[in-house]
């Protein structure tokens, strides 16, 4: 039986006195660069990406790695979707396996090998450097940007998900998406006061309404092409109806109820790199099986029954 102290360890350090969820800062923020000026040059077979298929922050890195064709450049391993008080673990199962680089049993070992005094939450995604034997970064907003910029010369596709002429607009829309949507569902789900929950709830659905209106006249969030902004939004949308709607009490509307967000989500999901990296089993088992304070029975819902392959025609928007 998990102790009360262990349960609180998943929530209490990131809850303020007003009952608001305040995400911890990222501990490791070194940068991989194309020219190596940071001390970490982009090289094939040097870096290893630790991820969870359940985690939306990790999912964006998985998608970008796939779309840029960096599969053979940056190796990757997947943790068990069930995280306990000891953190993410490496076990053998469907879609996950042992740590092939360090033979760690828990991801925490990578954090403590890098900083023995680290006492925060052990998060994914994070990148391990084989050469120096340490984590370079767990700075999830920046990891995909480094894939676009530092590893550009090593990518094997012609995808440009962070084009220079659109970066300022991508960054601006990412601010809204991160604070009110990506992190917004967590602010609602982990709130411990009614007021904090309602503030997060209202901001979330206000942002979703804005995004739905934006997508009424354009196929993508920024420009006339798929960008980093779409990937960042997708990883929350694809989890929304299965998890956030019920588990995090974000139940004003489902994504399937939105006239534009729903076909937009299907448009993305039906592409290689999106559906091939989406694992609803890992997603549902992680959320419903890990947050025992929110779901003490750890019963995993069988639904919802959603047809992600339903026909959609977004091409008319460009």
Protein backbone atom coordinates (compact mmCIF):
# COMPACT_ATOMS: atom_id res chain seq x y z
CA UNK A 1 0.00 0.00 0.00
CA UNK A 2 1.38 3.39 -0.99
CA UNK A 3 1.90 5.58 2.08
CA UNK A 4 0.31 9.01 2.43
CA UNK A 5 3.77 10.58 2.27
CA UNK A 6 4.47 8.81 -1.03
CA UNK A 7 1.13 9.92 -2.45
CA UNK A 8 1.75 13.52 -1.51
CA UNK A 9 5.21 13.33 -3.08
CA UNK A 10 3.54 13.30 -6.50
CA UNK A 11 1.57 16.49 -5.81
CA UNK A 12 2.51 18.52 -2.76
CA UNK A 13 5.84 20.03 -3.89
CA UNK A 14 4.10 21.56 -6.91
CA UNK A 15 1.02 22.92 -5.13
CA UNK A 16 1.10 26.48 -3.78
CA UNK A 17 -0.74 27.83 -0.75
CA UNK A 18 -3.74 28.72 -2.91
CA UNK A 19 -4.15 25.15 -4.11
CA UNK A 20 -2.72 25.88 -7.55
CA UNK A 21 -0.51 23.44 -9.43
CA UNK A 22 2.84 25.11 -10.13
CA UNK A 23 5.02 22.98 -12.37
CA UNK A 24 8.60 22.56 -11.17
CA UNK A 25 11.37 24.25 -13.20
CA UNK A 26 13.50 22.07 -15.42
CA UNK A 27 16.73 21.15 -13.67
CA UNK A 28 19.02 20.40 -16.61
CA UNK A 29 19.11 23.01 -19.34
CA UNK A 30 22.36 22.50 -21.22
CA UNK A 31 22.03 22.92 -24.96
CA UNK A 32 23.06 20.75 -27.89
CA UNK A 33 24.31 22.88 -30.78
CA UNK A 34 25.22 22.22 -34.39
CA UNK A 35 28.69 23.76 -34.03
CA UNK A 36 29.42 22.34 -30.58
CA UNK A 37 29.95 25.79 -29.06
CA UNK A 38 27.86 24.72 -26.06
CA UNK A 39 30.16 21.80 -25.32
CA UNK A 40 27.53 19.40 -26.63
CA UNK A 41 27.86 19.09 -30.41
CA UNK A 42 25.09 17.42 -32.40
CA UNK A 43 26.46 14.00 -33.35
CA UNK A 44 24.90 10.77 -34.48
CA UNK A 45 24.73 7.96 -31.92
CA UNK A 46 25.91 10.13 -29.04
CA UNK A 47 22.61 11.10 -27.40
CA UNK A 48 19.84 8.96 -25.99
CA UNK A 49 16.24 10.10 -25.48
CA UNK A 50 14.30 8.73 -22.51
CA UNK A 51 10.53 8.96 -22.99
CA UNK A 52 7.14 7.74 -21.88
CA UNK A 53 4.46 7.05 -24.48
CA UNK A 54 1.93 8.29 -21.94
CA UNK A 55 3.49 11.71 -21.38
CA UNK A 56 2.40 14.55 -23.70
CA UNK A 57 5.72 16.40 -23.24
CA UNK A 58 7.65 13.29 -24.26
CA UNK A 59 5.20 12.54 -27.08
CA UNK A 60 6.04 15.80 -28.83
CA UNK A 61 9.75 14.81 -28.83
CA UNK A 62 8.87 11.37 -30.20
CA UNK A 63 6.82 12.89 -33.03
CA UNK A 64 9.48 15.45 -33.97
CA UNK A 65 12.24 12.82 -33.90
CA UNK A 66 10.13 10.69 -36.24
CA UNK A 67 9.16 13.46 -38.66
CA UNK A 68 12.74 14.73 -38.94
CA UNK A 69 14.04 11.22 -39.58
CA UNK A 70 16.33 11.21 -36.55
CA UNK A 71 15.48 7.65 -35.51
CA UNK A 72 18.97 6.40 -36.33
CA UNK A 73 20.68 9.56 -35.03
CA UNK A 74 19.16 9.85 -31.55
CA UNK A 75 18.43 6.51 -29.89
CA UNK A 76 15.36 6.20 -27.68
CA UNK A 77 13.93 4.02 -24.95
CA UNK A 78 10.48 3.92 -23.36
CA UNK A 79 9.67 3.61 -19.67
CA UNK A 80 6.87 1.63 -18.07
CA UNK A 81 3.64 3.72 -18.19
CA UNK A 82 2.99 3.11 -14.49
CA UNK A 83 4.95 5.55 -12.35
CA UNK A 84 5.08 5.08 -8.58
CA UNK A 85 6.71 7.02 -5.73
CA UNK A 86 10.11 5.89 -7.03
CA UNK A 87 9.38 7.43 -10.41
CA UNK A 88 9.52 6.08 -13.95
CA UNK A 89 10.94 2.58 -14.21
CA UNK A 90 12.41 0.38 -16.90
CA UNK A 91 10.56 -2.92 -17.20
CA UNK A 92 9.82 -5.32 -20.03
CA UNK A 93 6.32 -5.01 -21.42
CA UNK A 94 4.20 -4.10 -24.42
CA UNK A 95 5.78 -0.99 -25.91
CA UNK A 96 8.47 -0.53 -23.26
CA UNK A 97 11.65 -2.24 -22.17
CA UNK A 98 14.95 -2.10 -20.28
CA UNK A 99 17.40 0.78 -20.42
CA UNK A 100 19.80 -0.12 -23.26
CA UNK A 101 22.39 2.54 -22.43
CA UNK A 102 23.04 2.37 -18.70
CA UNK A 103 20.98 -0.61 -17.57
CA UNK A 104 19.25 1.62 -15.04
CA UNK A 105 16.23 0.22 -13.23
CA UNK A 106 14.72 3.66 -12.65
CA UNK A 107 15.01 6.94 -14.51
CA UNK A 108 15.91 8.55 -11.18
CA UNK A 109 19.32 6.89 -11.51
CA UNK A 110 20.07 9.06 -14.56
CA UNK A 111 19.11 12.18 -12.61
CA UNK A 112 21.19 11.24 -9.56
CA UNK A 113 24.15 10.24 -11.71
CA UNK A 114 24.06 13.77 -13.11
CA UNK A 115 23.30 15.55 -9.83
CA UNK A 116 23.49 13.45 -6.64
CA UNK A 117 21.68 16.21 -4.77
CA UNK A 118 18.68 16.40 -7.10
CA UNK A 119 15.43 16.17 -5.11
CA UNK A 120 12.76 17.12 -7.65
CA UNK A 121 10.45 14.99 -9.73
CA UNK A 122 12.16 12.80 -12.35
CA UNK A 123 10.60 13.78 -15.64
CA UNK A 124 10.50 12.73 -19.27
CA UNK A 125 11.61 13.55 -21.87
CA UNK A 126 15.27 13.89 -21.07
CA UNK A 127 18.44 13.41 -23.09
CA UNK A 128 21.47 11.44 -21.91
CA UNK A 129 24.95 12.05 -23.29
CA UNK A 130 26.90 8.81 -23.72
CA UNK A 131 30.22 10.63 -23.93
CA UNK A 132 30.04 12.58 -20.67
CA UNK A 133 27.81 10.10 -18.85
CA UNK A 134 25.19 12.62 -17.74
CA UNK A 135 21.86 14.13 -18.62
CA UNK A 136 22.22 17.12 -20.90
CA UNK A 137 18.64 18.36 -20.66
CA UNK A 138 15.17 17.66 -19.37
CA UNK A 139 14.01 21.04 -20.67
CA UNK A 140 11.07 19.67 -22.66
CA UNK A 141 10.07 22.93 -24.42
CA UNK A 142 13.58 23.24 -25.82
CA UNK A 143 14.34 19.60 -26.64
CA UNK A 144 12.33 19.63 -29.86
CA UNK A 145 13.69 23.04 -30.85
CA UNK A 146 17.21 21.60 -30.55
CA UNK A 147 16.16 18.72 -32.79
CA UNK A 148 15.08 21.25 -35.42
CA UNK A 149 18.14 23.47 -35.15
CA UNK A 150 21.17 21.55 -33.85
CA UNK A 151 20.38 18.30 -35.69
CA UNK A 152 19.24 19.89 -38.95
CA UNK A 153 22.31 18.64 -40.81
CA UNK A 154 21.69 15.09 -39.60
CA UNK A 155 17.98 14.77 -40.33
CA UNK A 156 17.00 12.37 -43.10
CA UNK A 157 13.77 14.04 -44.23
CA UNK A 158 13.07 17.49 -45.67
CA UNK A 159 10.56 18.39 -42.94
CA UNK A 160 10.91 21.92 -41.59
CA UNK A 161 8.74 22.18 -38.49
CA UNK A 162 10.32 25.36 -37.14
CA UNK A 163 10.98 27.55 -40.20
CA UNK A 164 12.79 30.77 -39.46
CA UNK A 165 10.18 33.05 -41.02
CA UNK A 166 7.43 31.61 -38.79
CA UNK A 167 9.32 31.25 -35.52
CA UNK A 168 8.03 34.36 -33.81
CA UNK A 169 4.43 33.40 -34.59
CA UNK A 170 5.02 29.79 -33.55
CA UNK A 171 6.53 30.95 -30.26
CA UNK A 172 3.60 33.29 -29.63
CA UNK A 173 0.92 30.65 -30.17
CA UNK A 174 2.97 28.20 -28.10
CA UNK A 175 2.71 30.59 -25.15
CA UNK A 176 -1.08 30.39 -25.22
CA UNK A 177 -1.11 26.65 -25.84
CA UNK A 178 1.40 25.86 -23.10
CA UNK A 179 -0.03 27.95 -20.28
CA UNK A 180 -3.74 27.42 -20.90
CA UNK A 181 -3.93 24.05 -22.68
CA UNK A 182 -0.84 21.82 -22.33
CA UNK A 183 -0.26 22.81 -18.71
CA UNK A 184 -3.81 24.02 -18.27
CA UNK A 185 -5.25 20.52 -17.99
CA UNK A 186 -2.74 19.76 -15.23
CA UNK A 187 -3.59 23.00 -13.43
CA UNK A 188 -7.22 21.91 -13.40
CA UNK A 189 -6.56 18.26 -12.61
CA UNK A 190 -4.07 18.78 -9.80
CA UNK A 191 -5.71 21.83 -8.19
CA UNK A 192 -6.54 21.33 -4.53
CA UNK A 193 -8.92 24.27 -4.15
CA UNK A 194 -12.16 25.03 -5.96
CA UNK A 195 -10.99 28.51 -6.92
CA UNK A 196 -7.72 27.28 -8.44
CA UNK A 197 -9.56 24.57 -10.36
CA UNK A 198 -12.14 26.97 -11.77
CA UNK A 199 -9.51 29.50 -12.88
CA UNK A 200 -7.62 26.80 -14.76
CA UNK A 201 -10.84 25.33 -16.16
CA UNK A 202 -12.06 28.68 -17.49
CA UNK A 203 -8.68 29.55 -19.03
CA UNK A 204 -8.48 26.13 -20.68
CA UNK A 205 -11.84 26.33 -22.42
CA UNK A 206 -11.36 29.96 -23.35
CA UNK A 207 -8.14 28.96 -25.11
CA UNK A 208 -9.75 25.96 -26.80
CA UNK A 209 -12.55 28.19 -28.08
CA UNK A 210 -9.97 30.64 -29.48
CA UNK A 211 -8.06 27.85 -31.16
CA UNK A 212 -11.24 26.37 -32.62
CA UNK A 213 -12.11 29.74 -34.13
CA UNK A 214 -8.58 30.13 -35.49
CA UNK A 215 -8.84 26.77 -37.23
CA UNK A 216 -12.12 27.65 -38.90
CA UNK A 217 -10.26 29.38 -41.71
CA UNK A 218 -6.86 27.70 -41.77
CA UNK A 219 -5.63 24.13 -41.79
CA UNK A 220 -2.72 24.67 -39.41
CA UNK A 221 -2.10 26.91 -36.43
CA UNK A 222 0.69 28.90 -38.10
CA UNK A 223 1.27 29.51 -41.78
CA UNK A 224 0.18 27.09 -44.44
CA UNK A 225 2.19 24.14 -43.15
CA UNK A 226 2.62 21.72 -40.29
CA UNK A 227 4.81 23.23 -37.58
CA UNK A 228 6.01 22.71 -34.04
CA UNK A 229 2.90 24.56 -32.86
CA UNK A 230 0.59 21.86 -34.22
CA UNK A 231 2.59 19.09 -32.61
CA UNK A 232 2.51 20.80 -29.22
CA UNK A 233 -1.26 21.20 -29.34
CA UNK A 234 -1.89 17.71 -30.74
CA UNK A 235 -0.36 15.85 -27.80
CA UNK A 236 -2.93 17.40 -25.46
CA UNK A 237 -5.86 17.08 -27.87
CA UNK A 238 -5.25 13.39 -28.48
CA UNK A 239 -5.37 12.69 -24.72
CA UNK A 240 -8.23 15.01 -23.92
CA UNK A 241 -11.37 12.92 -24.32
CA UNK A 242 -9.73 9.72 -23.05
CA UNK A 243 -8.17 11.24 -19.94
CA UNK A 244 -8.43 14.95 -19.24
CA UNK A 245 -12.19 15.24 -19.72
CA UNK A 246 -12.93 12.87 -16.84
CA UNK A 247 -9.73 12.25 -14.87
CA UNK A 248 -8.78 15.95 -14.68
CA UNK A 249 -12.41 17.20 -14.53
CA UNK A 250 -12.08 19.17 -17.79
CA UNK A 251 -15.64 18.33 -18.72
CA UNK A 252 -17.24 21.42 -20.25
CA UNK A 253 -16.77 20.03 -23.76
CA UNK A 254 -14.96 17.17 -25.44
CA UNK A 255 -12.66 17.67 -28.40
CA UNK A 256 -15.12 15.69 -30.54
CA UNK A 257 -17.67 18.44 -29.80
CA UNK A 258 -15.61 21.17 -31.46
CA UNK A 259 -16.42 21.84 -35.13
CA UNK A 260 -12.81 22.63 -36.08
CA UNK A 261 -10.54 21.17 -33.39
CA UNK A 262 -11.97 17.69 -33.93
CA UNK A 263 -11.35 17.41 -37.72
CA UNK A 264 -8.00 19.17 -37.17
CA UNK A 265 -7.05 16.53 -34.59
CA UNK A 266 -8.03 13.72 -36.95
CA UNK A 267 -6.13 15.36 -39.79
CA UNK A 268 -2.97 15.19 -37.70
CA UNK A 269 -3.63 11.78 -36.16
CA UNK A 270 -4.06 10.12 -39.55
CA UNK A 271 -0.50 11.06 -40.57
CA UNK A 272 2.48 8.80 -40.12
CA UNK A 273 4.42 9.95 -37.10
CA UNK A 274 1.26 10.88 -35.19
CA UNK A 275 -0.91 7.77 -34.98
CA UNK A 276 2.18 5.55 -35.08
CA UNK A 277 3.49 7.20 -31.91
CA UNK A 278 0.15 7.42 -30.06
CA UNK A 279 -0.49 4.60 -27.58
CA UNK A 280 -3.85 4.90 -25.85
CA UNK A 281 -3.14 1.87 -23.67
CA UNK A 282 -0.03 3.53 -22.20
CA UNK A 283 -1.87 6.85 -21.90
CA UNK A 284 -4.86 5.50 -19.99
CA UNK A 285 -2.90 3.09 -17.82
CA UNK A 286 -0.52 5.85 -16.79
CA UNK A 287 -3.05 8.48 -15.80
CA UNK A 288 -5.69 6.27 -14.23
CA UNK A 289 -3.17 3.86 -12.73
CA UNK A 290 -0.69 6.38 -11.33
CA UNK A 291 -2.66 9.22 -9.77
CA UNK A 292 -4.20 7.28 -6.91
CA UNK A 293 -5.23 10.47 -5.16
CA UNK A 294 -7.48 11.27 -8.14
CA UNK A 295 -8.44 7.67 -8.90
CA UNK A 296 -7.93 5.61 -5.73
CA UNK A 297 -9.44 2.44 -7.23
CA UNK A 298 -7.04 2.64 -10.20
CA UNK A 299 -9.82 1.29 -12.42
CA UNK A 300 -9.02 2.10 -16.05
CA UNK A 301 -12.04 3.13 -18.15
CA UNK A 302 -12.77 1.02 -21.22
CA UNK A 303 -13.88 4.02 -23.29
CA UNK A 304 -14.31 6.34 -24.94
CA UNK A 305 -15.25 4.89 -28.31
CA UNK A 306 -13.81 7.48 -30.69
CA UNK A 307 -13.21 6.96 -34.40
CA UNK A 308 -9.90 8.70 -35.05
CA UNK A 309 -9.99 7.36 -38.61
CA UNK A 310 -13.31 8.99 -39.51
CA UNK A 311 -13.02 10.81 -42.85
CA UNK A 312 -12.18 14.49 -42.69
CA UNK A 313 -11.43 17.11 -45.28
CA UNK A 314 -9.12 19.81 -44.02
CA UNK A 315 -7.29 20.10 -47.33
CA UNK A 316 -9.85 22.67 -48.52
CA UNK A 317 -8.28 25.09 -46.01
CA UNK A 318 -4.89 24.91 -47.67
